[in-house]
Amino acid sequence: MNMAKIMVVDDDEEFTTLYQKYLTMAGFEAIAENHSSMAMEVANSAQPDLFVLDLMMPEPDGFKLCRMLREDPIFKRTPIIIITALDNTDSRVVAIGAGANGFLRKPFHVSDLTEKVKDFLR
């Protein structure tokens, strides 16, 4: 059985390192990208099975990147989990509207992330 590939895009290297470590420990192949401007290029070469995107990033932000992924025929149906420190219903509504499948609010326990990833890959 192939390991599912999870691509994490967050401009904070501490977070991507942490996510990468935990996702790897949970049995996934984790790919981290700290520059959202490079995310589409990396996604096209890596072909991940699921994306974890931070909302608050330099251009393109998580909303825009989510829409860009949804416009790409290859990633039209690939699950996307949005992670944000924003605590408001609007960002959740916009994220879902942009095509996200799930939403996690910082701070969260990494087990919440791995559980959500497993749910979407089932």
PDB file of N, CA and C in Angstrom:
ATOM      1  N   MET A   1       0.855  -1.205   0.000  1.00  0.00           N
ATOM      2  CA  MET A   1       0.000   0.000   0.000  1.00  0.00           C
ATOM      3  C   MET A   1       0.885   1.248   0.000  1.00  0.00           C
ATOM      4  N   ASN A   2       0.585   2.161  -0.874  1.00  0.00           N
ATOM      5  CA  ASN A   2       1.342   3.414  -0.931  1.00  0.00           C
ATOM      6  C   ASN A   2       0.967   4.330   0.216  1.00  0.00           C
ATOM      7  N   MET A   3       1.960   5.078   0.692  1.00  0.00           N
ATOM      8  CA  MET A   3       1.701   6.077   1.720  1.00  0.00           C
ATOM      9  C   MET A   3       0.999   7.258   1.073  1.00  0.00           C
ATOM     10  N   ALA A   4      -0.032   7.760   1.715  1.00  0.00           N
ATOM     11  CA  ALA A   4      -0.710   8.952   1.200  1.00  0.00           C
ATOM     12  C   ALA A   4       0.231  10.145   1.339  1.00  0.00           C
ATOM     13  N   LYS A   5       0.239  10.994   0.302  1.00  0.00           N
ATOM     14  CA  LYS A   5       1.084  12.190   0.305  1.00  0.00           C
ATOM     15  C   LYS A   5       0.267  13.384   0.772  1.00  0.00           C
ATOM     16  N   ILE A   6       0.753  14.051   1.807  1.00  0.00           N
ATOM     17  CA  ILE A   6       0.091  15.225   2.359  1.00  0.00           C
ATOM     18  C   ILE A   6       0.996  16.424   2.111  1.00  0.00           C
ATOM     19  N   MET A   7       0.465  17.454   1.469  1.00  0.00           N
ATOM     20  CA  MET A   7       1.249  18.671   1.240  1.00  0.00           C
ATOM     21  C   MET A   7       0.775  19.756   2.186  1.00  0.00           C
ATOM     22  N   VAL A   8       1.709  20.271   2.973  1.00  0.00           N
ATOM     23  CA  VAL A   8       1.428  21.322   3.942  1.00  0.00           C
ATOM     24  C   VAL A   8       2.003  22.631   3.420  1.00  0.00           C
ATOM     25  N   VAL A   9       1.165  23.662   3.336  1.00  0.00           N
ATOM     26  CA  VAL A   9       1.626  24.976   2.897  1.00  0.00           C
ATOM     27  C   VAL A   9       1.348  25.978   4.014  1.00  0.00           C
ATOM     28  N   ASP A  10       2.432  26.496   4.588  1.00  0.00           N
ATOM     29  CA  ASP A  10       2.334  27.470   5.674  1.00  0.00           C
ATOM     30  C   ASP A  10       3.620  28.288   5.627  1.00  0.00           C
ATOM     31  N   ASP A  11       3.514  29.602   5.756  1.00  0.00           N
ATOM     32  CA  ASP A  11       4.720  30.434   5.690  1.00  0.00           C
ATOM     33  C   ASP A  11       5.551  30.357   6.967  1.00  0.00           C
ATOM     34  N   ASP A  12       5.019  29.732   8.008  1.00  0.00           N
ATOM     35  CA  ASP A  12       5.743  29.584   9.273  1.00  0.00           C
ATOM     36  C   ASP A  12       6.461  28.230   9.281  1.00  0.00           C
ATOM     37  N   GLU A  13       7.790  28.276   9.178  1.00  0.00           N
ATOM     38  CA  GLU A  13       8.570  27.035   9.101  1.00  0.00           C
ATOM     39  C   GLU A  13       8.449  26.168  10.344  1.00  0.00           C
ATOM     40  N   GLU A  14       8.251  26.790  11.510  1.00  0.00           N
ATOM     41  CA  GLU A  14       8.076  25.990  12.728  1.00  0.00           C
ATOM     42  C   GLU A  14       6.842  25.097  12.602  1.00  0.00           C
ATOM     43  N   PHE A  15       5.758  25.671  12.064  1.00  0.00           N
ATOM     44  CA  PHE A  15       4.531  24.896  11.896  1.00  0.00           C
ATOM     45  C   PHE A  15       4.710  23.785  10.862  1.00  0.00           C
ATOM     46  N   THR A  16       5.298  24.118   9.706  1.00  0.00           N
ATOM     47  CA  THR A  16       5.445  23.078   8.680  1.00  0.00           C
ATOM     48  C   THR A  16       6.346  21.946   9.179  1.00  0.00           C
ATOM     49  N   THR A  17       7.391  22.285   9.924  1.00  0.00           N
ATOM     50  CA  THR A  17       8.280  21.262  10.476  1.00  0.00           C
ATOM     51  C   THR A  17       7.515  20.366  11.447  1.00  0.00           C
ATOM     52  N   LEU A  18       6.714  20.987  12.309  1.00  0.00           N
ATOM     53  CA  LEU A  18       5.912  20.245  13.276  1.00  0.00           C
ATOM     54  C   LEU A  18       4.885  19.351  12.573  1.00  0.00           C
ATOM     55  N   TYR A  19       4.134  19.932  11.622  1.00  0.00           N
ATOM     56  CA  TYR A  19       3.124  19.154  10.895  1.00  0.00           C
ATOM     57  C   TYR A  19       3.770  17.984  10.162  1.00  0.00           C
ATOM     58  N   GLN A  20       4.903  18.283   9.514  1.00  0.00           N
ATOM     59  CA  GLN A  20       5.606  17.267   8.746  1.00  0.00           C
ATOM     60  C   GLN A  20       6.020  16.097   9.651  1.00  0.00           C
ATOM     61  N   LYS A  21       6.557  16.431  10.828  1.00  0.00           N
ATOM     62  CA  LYS A  21       7.004  15.416  11.775  1.00  0.00           C
ATOM     63  C   LYS A  21       5.833  14.526  12.221  1.00  0.00           C
ATOM     64  N   TYR A  22       4.735  15.156  12.609  1.00  0.00           N
ATOM     65  CA  TYR A  22       3.588  14.390  13.107  1.00  0.00           C
ATOM     66  C   TYR A  22       2.901  13.586  12.016  1.00  0.00           C
ATOM     67  N   LEU A  23       2.777  14.161  10.829  1.00  0.00           N
ATOM     68  CA  LEU A  23       2.140  13.426   9.736  1.00  0.00           C
ATOM     69  C   LEU A  23       2.994  12.223   9.324  1.00  0.00           C
ATOM     70  N   THR A  24       4.310  12.383   9.352  1.00  0.00           N
ATOM     71  CA  THR A  24       5.219  11.282   9.041  1.00  0.00           C
ATOM     72  C   THR A  24       5.091  10.186  10.096  1.00  0.00           C
ATOM     73  N   MET A  25       5.026  10.608  11.371  1.00  0.00           N
ATOM     74  CA  MET A  25       4.856   9.639  12.453  1.00  0.00           C
ATOM     75  C   MET A  25       3.521   8.906  12.341  1.00  0.00           C
ATOM     76  N   ALA A  26       2.520   9.571  11.758  1.00  0.00           N
ATOM     77  CA  ALA A  26       1.195   8.960  11.593  1.00  0.00           C
ATOM     78  C   ALA A  26       1.137   8.073  10.345  1.00  0.00           C
ATOM     79  N   GLY A  27       2.266   7.963   9.633  1.00  0.00           N
ATOM     80  CA  GLY A  27       2.315   7.052   8.496  1.00  0.00           C
ATOM     81  C   GLY A  27       2.081   7.679   7.134  1.00  0.00           C
ATOM     82  N   PHE A  28       2.174   9.004   7.061  1.00  0.00           N
ATOM     83  CA  PHE A  28       1.979   9.693   5.784  1.00  0.00           C
ATOM     84  C   PHE A  28       3.309  10.191   5.243  1.00  0.00           C
ATOM     85  N   GLU A  29       3.340  10.435   3.945  1.00  0.00           N
ATOM     86  CA  GLU A  29       4.483  11.121   3.347  1.00  0.00           C
ATOM     87  C   GLU A  29       4.118  12.600   3.360  1.00  0.00           C
ATOM     88  N   ALA A  30       4.879  13.398   4.096  1.00  0.00           N
ATOM     89  CA  ALA A  30       4.548  14.812   4.247  1.00  0.00           C
ATOM     90  C   ALA A  30       5.509  15.687   3.447  1.00  0.00           C
ATOM     91  N   ILE A  31       4.931  16.575   2.664  1.00  0.00           N
ATOM     92  CA  ILE A  31       5.700  17.518   1.852  1.00  0.00           C
ATOM     93  C   ILE A  31       5.375  18.906   2.390  1.00  0.00           C
ATOM     94  N   ALA A  32       6.402  19.688   2.703  1.00  0.00           N
ATOM     95  CA  ALA A  32       6.174  21.032   3.239  1.00  0.00           C
ATOM     96  C   ALA A  32       6.623  22.085   2.237  1.00  0.00           C
ATOM     97  N   GLU A  33       5.836  23.140   2.145  1.00  0.00           N
ATOM     98  CA  GLU A  33       6.204  24.291   1.310  1.00  0.00           C
ATOM     99  C   GLU A  33       5.927  25.548   2.124  1.00  0.00           C
ATOM    100  N   ASN A  34       6.961  26.391   2.291  1.00  0.00           N
ATOM    101  CA  ASN A  34       6.809  27.611   3.090  1.00  0.00           C
ATOM    102  C   ASN A  34       6.529  28.843   2.238  1.00  0.00           C
ATOM    103  N   HIS A  35       6.581  28.698   0.938  1.00  0.00           N
ATOM    104  CA  HIS A  35       6.311  29.830   0.041  1.00  0.00           C
ATOM    105  C   HIS A  35       5.066  29.515  -0.779  1.00  0.00           C
ATOM    106  N   SER A  36       3.957  30.149  -0.440  1.00  0.00           N
ATOM    107  CA  SER A  36       2.707  29.850  -1.131  1.00  0.00           C
ATOM    108  C   SER A  36       2.806  30.112  -2.629  1.00  0.00           C
ATOM    109  N   SER A  37       3.702  31.027  -3.027  1.00  0.00           N
ATOM    110  CA  SER A  37       3.883  31.324  -4.449  1.00  0.00           C
ATOM    111  C   SER A  37       4.452  30.118  -5.206  1.00  0.00           C
ATOM    112  N   MET A  38       5.089  29.196  -4.486  1.00  0.00           N
ATOM    113  CA  MET A  38       5.662  27.994  -5.097  1.00  0.00           C
ATOM    114  C   MET A  38       4.740  26.786  -4.993  1.00  0.00           C
ATOM    115  N   ALA A  39       3.639  26.924  -4.271  1.00  0.00           N
ATOM    116  CA  ALA A  39       2.790  25.780  -3.935  1.00  0.00           C
ATOM    117  C   ALA A  39       2.228  25.048  -5.157  1.00  0.00           C
ATOM    118  N   MET A  40       1.772  25.770  -6.159  1.00  0.00           N
ATOM    119  CA  MET A  40       1.187  25.116  -7.336  1.00  0.00           C
ATOM    120  C   MET A  40       2.244  24.289  -8.076  1.00  0.00           C
ATOM    121  N   GLU A  41       3.438  24.860  -8.195  1.00  0.00           N
ATOM    122  CA  GLU A  41       4.536  24.163  -8.868  1.00  0.00           C
ATOM    123  C   GLU A  41       4.892  22.869  -8.133  1.00  0.00           C
ATOM    124  N   VAL A  42       5.030  22.969  -6.814  1.00  0.00           N
ATOM    125  CA  VAL A  42       5.362  21.807  -5.993  1.00  0.00           C
ATOM    126  C   VAL A  42       4.228  20.782  -6.059  1.00  0.00           C
ATOM    127  N   ALA A  43       2.986  21.254  -5.988  1.00  0.00           N
ATOM    128  CA  ALA A  43       1.822  20.361  -6.044  1.00  0.00           C
ATOM    129  C   ALA A  43       1.794  19.591  -7.360  1.00  0.00           C
ATOM    130  N   ASN A  44       2.077  20.281  -8.453  1.00  0.00           N
ATOM    131  CA  ASN A  44       2.050  19.615  -9.756  1.00  0.00           C
ATOM    132  C   ASN A  44       3.118  18.541  -9.876  1.00  0.00           C
ATOM    133  N   SER A  45       4.285  18.743  -9.264  1.00  0.00           N
ATOM    134  CA  SER A  45       5.311  17.704  -9.353  1.00  0.00           C
ATOM    135  C   SER A  45       5.097  16.608  -8.309  1.00  0.00           C
ATOM    136  N   ALA A  46       4.568  16.948  -7.132  1.00  0.00           N
ATOM    137  CA  ALA A  46       4.409  15.962  -6.051  1.00  0.00           C
ATOM    138  C   ALA A  46       3.101  15.177  -6.137  1.00  0.00           C
ATOM    139  N   GLN A  47       2.064  15.781  -6.734  1.00  0.00           N
ATOM    140  CA  GLN A  47       0.739  15.141  -6.840  1.00  0.00           C
ATOM    141  C   GLN A  47       0.226  14.622  -5.484  1.00  0.00           C
ATOM    142  N   PRO A  48       0.072  15.522  -4.487  1.00  0.00           N
ATOM    143  CA  PRO A  48      -0.369  15.065  -3.160  1.00  0.00           C
ATOM    144  C   PRO A  48      -1.813  14.549  -3.160  1.00  0.00           C
ATOM    145  N   ASP A  49      -2.103  13.724  -2.148  1.00  0.00           N
ATOM    146  CA  ASP A  49      -3.445  13.159  -1.979  1.00  0.00           C
ATOM    147  C   ASP A  49      -4.329  14.055  -1.138  1.00  0.00           C
ATOM    148  N   LEU A  50      -3.710  15.030  -0.440  1.00  0.00           N
ATOM    149  CA  LEU A  50      -4.460  15.942   0.424  1.00  0.00           C
ATOM    150  C   LEU A  50      -3.592  17.163   0.686  1.00  0.00           C
ATOM    151  N   PHE A  51      -4.243  18.325   0.833  1.00  0.00           N
ATOM    152  CA  PHE A  51      -3.533  19.572   1.134  1.00  0.00           C
ATOM    153  C   PHE A  51      -3.931  20.069   2.517  1.00  0.00           C
ATOM    154  N   VAL A  52      -2.957  20.640   3.217  1.00  0.00           N
ATOM    155  CA  VAL A  52      -3.201  21.359   4.465  1.00  0.00           C
ATOM    156  C   VAL A  52      -2.663  22.765   4.214  1.00  0.00           C
ATOM    157  N   LEU A  53      -3.569  23.753   4.211  1.00  0.00           N
ATOM    158  CA  LEU A  53      -3.188  25.127   3.880  1.00  0.00           C
ATOM    159  C   LEU A  53      -3.431  26.065   5.041  1.00  0.00           C
ATOM    160  N   ASP A  54      -2.455  26.921   5.299  1.00  0.00           N
ATOM    161  CA  ASP A  54      -2.653  28.002   6.259  1.00  0.00           C
ATOM    162  C   ASP A  54      -3.382  29.123   5.526  1.00  0.00           C
ATOM    163  N   LEU A  55      -4.218  29.871   6.225  1.00  0.00           N
ATOM    164  CA  LEU A  55      -4.925  30.980   5.578  1.00  0.00           C
ATOM    165  C   LEU A  55      -4.063  32.220   5.457  1.00  0.00           C
ATOM    166  N   MET A  56      -3.428  32.584   6.572  1.00  0.00           N
ATOM    167  CA  MET A  56      -2.696  33.841   6.634  1.00  0.00           C
ATOM    168  C   MET A  56      -1.273  33.687   6.108  1.00  0.00           C
ATOM    169  N   MET A  57      -1.122  33.901   4.798  1.00  0.00           N
ATOM    170  CA  MET A  57       0.193  33.819   4.161  1.00  0.00           C
ATOM    171  C   MET A  57       0.323  34.990   3.197  1.00  0.00           C
ATOM    172  N   PRO A  58       1.563  35.321   2.824  1.00  0.00           N
ATOM    173  CA  PRO A  58       1.733  36.317   1.761  1.00  0.00           C
ATOM    174  C   PRO A  58       1.094  35.778   0.477  1.00  0.00           C
ATOM    175  N   GLU A  59       0.901  36.618  -0.505  1.00  0.00           N
ATOM    176  CA  GLU A  59       0.218  36.212  -1.739  1.00  0.00           C
ATOM    177  C   GLU A  59       0.830  34.970  -2.373  1.00  0.00           C
ATOM    178  N   PRO A  60       0.034  34.041  -2.827  1.00  0.00           N
ATOM    179  CA  PRO A  60      -1.409  33.987  -2.582  1.00  0.00           C
ATOM    180  C   PRO A  60      -1.698  33.475  -1.170  1.00  0.00           C
ATOM    181  N   ASP A  61      -2.722  34.054  -0.546  1.00  0.00           N
ATOM    182  CA  ASP A  61      -3.095  33.574   0.794  1.00  0.00           C
ATOM    183  C   ASP A  61      -3.816  32.219   0.644  1.00  0.00           C
ATOM    184  N   GLY A  62      -4.182  31.634   1.766  1.00  0.00           N
ATOM    185  CA  GLY A  62      -4.809  30.308   1.754  1.00  0.00           C
ATOM    186  C   GLY A  62      -6.106  30.251   0.975  1.00  0.00           C
ATOM    187  N   PHE A  63      -6.919  31.322   1.045  1.00  0.00           N
ATOM    188  CA  PHE A  63      -8.180  31.354   0.290  1.00  0.00           C
ATOM    189  C   PHE A  63      -7.896  31.276  -1.206  1.00  0.00           C
ATOM    190  N   LYS A  64      -6.972  32.131  -1.644  1.00  0.00           N
ATOM    191  CA  LYS A  64      -6.650  32.216  -3.067  1.00  0.00           C
ATOM    192  C   LYS A  64      -6.001  30.911  -3.550  1.00  0.00           C
ATOM    193  N   LEU A  65      -5.090  30.368  -2.753  1.00  0.00           N
ATOM    194  CA  LEU A  65      -4.432  29.121  -3.123  1.00  0.00           C
ATOM    195  C   LEU A  65      -5.453  27.982  -3.221  1.00  0.00           C
ATOM    196  N   CYS A  66      -6.391  27.969  -2.311  1.00  0.00           N
ATOM    197  CA  CYS A  66      -7.454  26.965  -2.325  1.00  0.00           C
ATOM    198  C   CYS A  66      -8.244  27.064  -3.641  1.00  0.00           C
ATOM    199  N   ARG A  67      -8.608  28.281  -4.040  1.00  0.00           N
ATOM    200  CA  ARG A  67      -9.333  28.481  -5.301  1.00  0.00           C
ATOM    201  C   ARG A  67      -8.483  28.067  -6.501  1.00  0.00           C
ATOM    202  N   MET A  68      -7.174  28.389  -6.459  1.00  0.00           N
ATOM    203  CA  MET A  68      -6.266  28.012  -7.545  1.00  0.00           C
ATOM    204  C   MET A  68      -6.204  26.485  -7.690  1.00  0.00           C
ATOM    205  N   LEU A  69      -6.140  25.786  -6.572  1.00  0.00           N
ATOM    206  CA  LEU A  69      -6.106  24.325  -6.604  1.00  0.00           C
ATOM    207  C   LEU A  69      -7.411  23.765  -7.172  1.00  0.00           C
ATOM    208  N   ARG A  70      -8.533  24.360  -6.781  1.00  0.00           N
ATOM    209  CA  ARG A  70      -9.838  23.898  -7.269  1.00  0.00           C
ATOM    210  C   ARG A  70     -10.024  24.138  -8.768  1.00  0.00           C
ATOM    211  N   GLU A  71      -9.348  25.173  -9.291  1.00  0.00           N
ATOM    212  CA  GLU A  71      -9.452  25.475 -10.721  1.00  0.00           C
ATOM    213  C   GLU A  71      -8.593  24.533 -11.554  1.00  0.00           C
ATOM    214  N   ASP A  72      -7.630  23.862 -10.915  1.00  0.00           N
ATOM    215  CA  ASP A  72      -6.756  22.926 -11.610  1.00  0.00           C
ATOM    216  C   ASP A  72      -7.470  21.569 -11.683  1.00  0.00           C
ATOM    217  N   PRO A  73      -7.699  21.047 -12.904  1.00  0.00           N
ATOM    218  CA  PRO A  73      -8.424  19.773 -13.048  1.00  0.00           C
ATOM    219  C   PRO A  73      -7.816  18.622 -12.241  1.00  0.00           C
ATOM    220  N   ILE A  74      -6.503  18.637 -12.067  1.00  0.00           N
ATOM    221  CA  ILE A  74      -5.820  17.569 -11.319  1.00  0.00           C
ATOM    222  C   ILE A  74      -6.243  17.564  -9.841  1.00  0.00           C
ATOM    223  N   PHE A  75      -6.471  18.762  -9.282  1.00  0.00           N
ATOM    224  CA  PHE A  75      -6.751  18.866  -7.839  1.00  0.00           C
ATOM    225  C   PHE A  75      -8.198  19.233  -7.522  1.00  0.00           C
ATOM    226  N   LYS A  76      -9.051  19.168  -8.524  1.00  0.00           N
ATOM    227  CA  LYS A  76     -10.461  19.542  -8.346  1.00  0.00           C
ATOM    228  C   LYS A  76     -11.115  18.800  -7.171  1.00  0.00           C
ATOM    229  N   ARG A  77     -10.766  17.524  -6.994  1.00  0.00           N
ATOM    230  CA  ARG A  77     -11.383  16.706  -5.954  1.00  0.00           C
ATOM    231  C   ARG A  77     -10.442  16.341  -4.798  1.00  0.00           C
ATOM    232  N   THR A  78      -9.226  16.857  -4.813  1.00  0.00           N
ATOM    233  CA  THR A  78      -8.269  16.553  -3.747  1.00  0.00           C
ATOM    234  C   THR A  78      -8.702  17.258  -2.461  1.00  0.00           C
ATOM    235  N   PRO A  79      -8.821  16.520  -1.349  1.00  0.00           N
ATOM    236  CA  PRO A  79      -9.247  17.162  -0.096  1.00  0.00           C
ATOM    237  C   PRO A  79      -8.294  18.285   0.334  1.00  0.00           C
ATOM    238  N   ILE A  80      -8.888  19.368   0.841  1.00  0.00           N
ATOM    239  CA  ILE A  80      -8.124  20.511   1.338  1.00  0.00           C
ATOM    240  C   ILE A  80      -8.599  20.837   2.753  1.00  0.00           C
ATOM    241  N   ILE A  81      -7.650  20.866   3.680  1.00  0.00           N
ATOM    242  CA  ILE A  81      -7.944  21.267   5.058  1.00  0.00           C
ATOM    243  C   ILE A  81      -7.289  22.626   5.275  1.00  0.00           C
ATOM    244  N   ILE A  82      -8.086  23.580   5.725  1.00  0.00           N
ATOM    245  CA  ILE A  82      -7.593  24.931   5.999  1.00  0.00           C
ATOM    246  C   ILE A  82      -7.281  25.038   7.491  1.00  0.00           C
ATOM    247  N   ILE A  83      -6.135  25.660   7.784  1.00  0.00           N
ATOM    248  CA  ILE A  83      -5.749  25.911   9.172  1.00  0.00           C
ATOM    249  C   ILE A  83      -5.618  27.416   9.354  1.00  0.00           C
ATOM    250  N   THR A  84      -6.190  27.929  10.437  1.00  0.00           N
ATOM    251  CA  THR A  84      -6.113  29.375  10.648  1.00  0.00           C
ATOM    252  C   THR A  84      -6.137  29.740  12.120  1.00  0.00           C
ATOM    253  N   ALA A  85      -5.571  30.885  12.410  1.00  0.00           N
ATOM    254  CA  ALA A  85      -5.648  31.442  13.761  1.00  0.00           C
ATOM    255  C   ALA A  85      -6.867  32.359  13.854  1.00  0.00           C
ATOM    256  N   LEU A  86      -7.483  32.673  12.718  1.00  0.00           N
ATOM    257  CA  LEU A  86      -8.662  33.544  12.717  1.00  0.00           C
ATOM    258  C   LEU A  86      -9.811  32.831  13.411  1.00  0.00           C
ATOM    259  N   ASP A  87     -10.464  33.534  14.301  1.00  0.00           N
ATOM    260  CA  ASP A  87     -11.567  32.929  15.031  1.00  0.00           C
ATOM    261  C   ASP A  87     -12.867  33.616  14.643  1.00  0.00           C
ATOM    262  N   ASN A  88     -13.277  33.379  13.419  1.00  0.00           N
ATOM    263  CA  ASN A  88     -14.568  33.938  13.036  1.00  0.00           C
ATOM    264  C   ASN A  88     -15.255  33.059  12.009  1.00  0.00           C
ATOM    265  N   THR A  89     -16.557  33.150  11.982  1.00  0.00           N
ATOM    266  CA  THR A  89     -17.368  32.332  11.087  1.00  0.00           C
ATOM    267  C   THR A  89     -17.125  32.721   9.642  1.00  0.00           C
ATOM    268  N   ASP A  90     -16.850  34.021   9.398  1.00  0.00           N
ATOM    269  CA  ASP A  90     -16.636  34.485   8.022  1.00  0.00           C
ATOM    270  C   ASP A  90     -15.514  33.728   7.337  1.00  0.00           C
ATOM    271  N   SER A  91     -14.381  33.561   8.023  1.00  0.00           N
ATOM    272  CA  SER A  91     -13.258  32.882   7.372  1.00  0.00           C
ATOM    273  C   SER A  91     -13.599  31.423   7.080  1.00  0.00           C
ATOM    274  N   ARG A  92     -14.382  30.798   7.936  1.00  0.00           N
ATOM    275  CA  ARG A  92     -14.809  29.413   7.686  1.00  0.00           C
ATOM    276  C   ARG A  92     -15.710  29.371   6.450  1.00  0.00           C
ATOM    277  N   VAL A  93     -16.655  30.304   6.356  1.00  0.00           N
ATOM    278  CA  VAL A  93     -17.572  30.366   5.216  1.00  0.00           C
ATOM    279  C   VAL A  93     -16.797  30.619   3.920  1.00  0.00           C
ATOM    280  N   VAL A  94     -15.852  31.557   3.951  1.00  0.00           N
ATOM    281  CA  VAL A  94     -15.045  31.869   2.765  1.00  0.00           C
ATOM    282  C   VAL A  94     -14.177  30.665   2.387  1.00  0.00           C
ATOM    283  N   ALA A  95     -13.603  29.996   3.376  1.00  0.00           N
ATOM    284  CA  ALA A  95     -12.751  28.827   3.111  1.00  0.00           C
ATOM    285  C   ALA A  95     -13.553  27.717   2.432  1.00  0.00           C
ATOM    286  N   ILE A  96     -14.740  27.452   2.948  1.00  0.00           N
ATOM    287  CA  ILE A  96     -15.603  26.420   2.356  1.00  0.00           C
ATOM    288  C   ILE A  96     -16.032  26.868   0.950  1.00  0.00           C
ATOM    289  N   GLY A  97     -16.334  28.148   0.821  1.00  0.00           N
ATOM    290  CA  GLY A  97     -16.699  28.709  -0.481  1.00  0.00           C
ATOM    291  C   GLY A  97     -15.570  28.624  -1.492  1.00  0.00           C
ATOM    292  N   ALA A  98     -14.327  28.700  -1.010  1.00  0.00           N
ATOM    293  CA  ALA A  98     -13.159  28.624  -1.892  1.00  0.00           C
ATOM    294  C   ALA A  98     -12.864  27.175  -2.295  1.00  0.00           C
ATOM    295  N   GLY A  99     -13.550  26.239  -1.637  1.00  0.00           N
ATOM    296  CA  GLY A  99     -13.383  24.844  -2.006  1.00  0.00           C
ATOM    297  C   GLY A  99     -12.761  23.951  -0.951  1.00  0.00           C
ATOM    298  N   ALA A 100     -12.533  24.492   0.249  1.00  0.00           N
ATOM    299  CA  ALA A 100     -11.944  23.677   1.321  1.00  0.00           C
ATOM    300  C   ALA A 100     -12.943  22.621   1.791  1.00  0.00           C
ATOM    301  N   ASN A 101     -12.413  21.474   2.203  1.00  0.00           N
ATOM    302  CA  ASN A 101     -13.264  20.400   2.716  1.00  0.00           C
ATOM    303  C   ASN A 101     -13.364  20.442   4.236  1.00  0.00           C
ATOM    304  N   GLY A 102     -12.333  20.968   4.872  1.00  0.00           N
ATOM    305  CA  GLY A 102     -12.301  20.975   6.328  1.00  0.00           C
ATOM    306  C   GLY A 102     -11.575  22.196   6.849  1.00  0.00           C
ATOM    307  N   PHE A 103     -11.682  22.391   8.146  1.00  0.00           N
ATOM    308  CA  PHE A 103     -11.217  23.619   8.771  1.00  0.00           C
ATOM    309  C   PHE A 103     -10.706  23.282  10.169  1.00  0.00           C
ATOM    310  N   LEU A 104      -9.520  23.740  10.519  1.00  0.00           N
ATOM    311  CA  LEU A 104      -8.993  23.593  11.882  1.00  0.00           C
ATOM    312  C   LEU A 104      -8.535  24.952  12.374  1.00  0.00           C
ATOM    313  N   ARG A 105      -8.890  25.279  13.598  1.00  0.00           N
ATOM    314  CA  ARG A 105      -8.504  26.569  14.154  1.00  0.00           C
ATOM    315  C   ARG A 105      -7.317  26.406  15.091  1.00  0.00           C
ATOM    316  N   LYS A 106      -6.293  27.240  14.900  1.00  0.00           N
ATOM    317  CA  LYS A 106      -5.136  27.245  15.805  1.00  0.00           C
ATOM    318  C   LYS A 106      -5.560  27.882  17.116  1.00  0.00           C
ATOM    319  N   PRO A 107      -5.072  27.449  18.244  1.00  0.00           N
ATOM    320  CA  PRO A 107      -4.234  26.269  18.417  1.00  0.00           C
ATOM    321  C   PRO A 107      -5.098  25.003  18.412  1.00  0.00           C
ATOM    322  N   PHE A 108      -4.531  23.921  17.919  1.00  0.00           N
ATOM    323  CA  PHE A 108      -5.222  22.637  17.939  1.00  0.00           C
ATOM    324  C   PHE A 108      -4.190  21.579  18.290  1.00  0.00           C
ATOM    325  N   HIS A 109      -4.659  20.426  18.678  1.00  0.00           N
ATOM    326  CA  HIS A 109      -3.750  19.328  18.985  1.00  0.00           C
ATOM    327  C   HIS A 109      -3.436  18.623  17.673  1.00  0.00           C
ATOM    328  N   VAL A 110      -2.172  18.244  17.461  1.00  0.00           N
ATOM    329  CA  VAL A 110      -1.801  17.621  16.184  1.00  0.00           C
ATOM    330  C   VAL A 110      -2.579  16.337  15.911  1.00  0.00           C
ATOM    331  N   SER A 111      -3.049  15.673  16.965  1.00  0.00           N
ATOM    332  CA  SER A 111      -3.865  14.472  16.742  1.00  0.00           C
ATOM    333  C   SER A 111      -5.172  14.843  16.029  1.00  0.00           C
ATOM    334  N   ASP A 112      -5.674  16.076  16.258  1.00  0.00           N
ATOM    335  CA  ASP A 112      -6.869  16.542  15.542  1.00  0.00           C
ATOM    336  C   ASP A 112      -6.585  16.612  14.042  1.00  0.00           C
ATOM    337  N   LEU A 113      -5.377  17.076  13.706  1.00  0.00           N
ATOM    338  CA  LEU A 113      -4.996  17.170  12.300  1.00  0.00           C
ATOM    339  C   LEU A 113      -4.884  15.780  11.676  1.00  0.00           C
ATOM    340  N   THR A 114      -4.172  14.865  12.344  1.00  0.00           N
ATOM    341  CA  THR A 114      -4.008  13.530  11.758  1.00  0.00           C
ATOM    342  C   THR A 114      -5.347  12.816  11.636  1.00  0.00           C
ATOM    343  N   GLU A 115      -6.248  13.004  12.605  1.00  0.00           N
ATOM    344  CA  GLU A 115      -7.583  12.393  12.522  1.00  0.00           C
ATOM    345  C   GLU A 115      -8.367  12.946  11.333  1.00  0.00           C
ATOM    346  N   LYS A 116      -8.317  14.267  11.155  1.00  0.00           N
ATOM    347  CA  LYS A 116      -9.018  14.908  10.033  1.00  0.00           C
ATOM    348  C   LYS A 116      -8.458  14.414   8.694  1.00  0.00           C
ATOM    349  N   VAL A 117      -7.142  14.310   8.616  1.00  0.00           N
ATOM    350  CA  VAL A 117      -6.493  13.810   7.402  1.00  0.00           C
ATOM    351  C   VAL A 117      -6.986  12.386   7.109  1.00  0.00           C
ATOM    352  N   LYS A 118      -6.975  11.533   8.123  1.00  0.00           N
ATOM    353  CA  LYS A 118      -7.425  10.145   7.940  1.00  0.00           C
ATOM    354  C   LYS A 118      -8.882  10.097   7.491  1.00  0.00           C
ATOM    355  N   ASP A 119      -9.728  10.938   8.090  1.00  0.00           N
ATOM    356  CA  ASP A 119     -11.153  10.981   7.709  1.00  0.00           C
ATOM    357  C   ASP A 119     -11.319  11.312   6.233  1.00  0.00           C
ATOM    358  N   PHE A 120     -10.593  12.319   5.760  1.00  0.00           N
ATOM    359  CA  PHE A 120     -10.742  12.754   4.364  1.00  0.00           C
ATOM    360  C   PHE A 120     -10.157  11.760   3.374  1.00  0.00           C
ATOM    361  N   LEU A 121      -9.191  10.954   3.808  1.00  0.00           N
ATOM    362  CA  LEU A 121      -8.577   9.988   2.894  1.00  0.00           C
ATOM    363  C   LEU A 121      -9.332   8.664   2.837  1.00  0.00           C
ATOM    364  N   ARG A 122     -10.318   8.485   3.707  1.00  0.00           N
ATOM    365  CA  ARG A 122     -11.096   7.244   3.702  1.00  0.00           C
ATOM    366  C   ARG A 122     -12.000   7.171   2.496  1.00  0.00           C
TER     367      ARG A 122
END
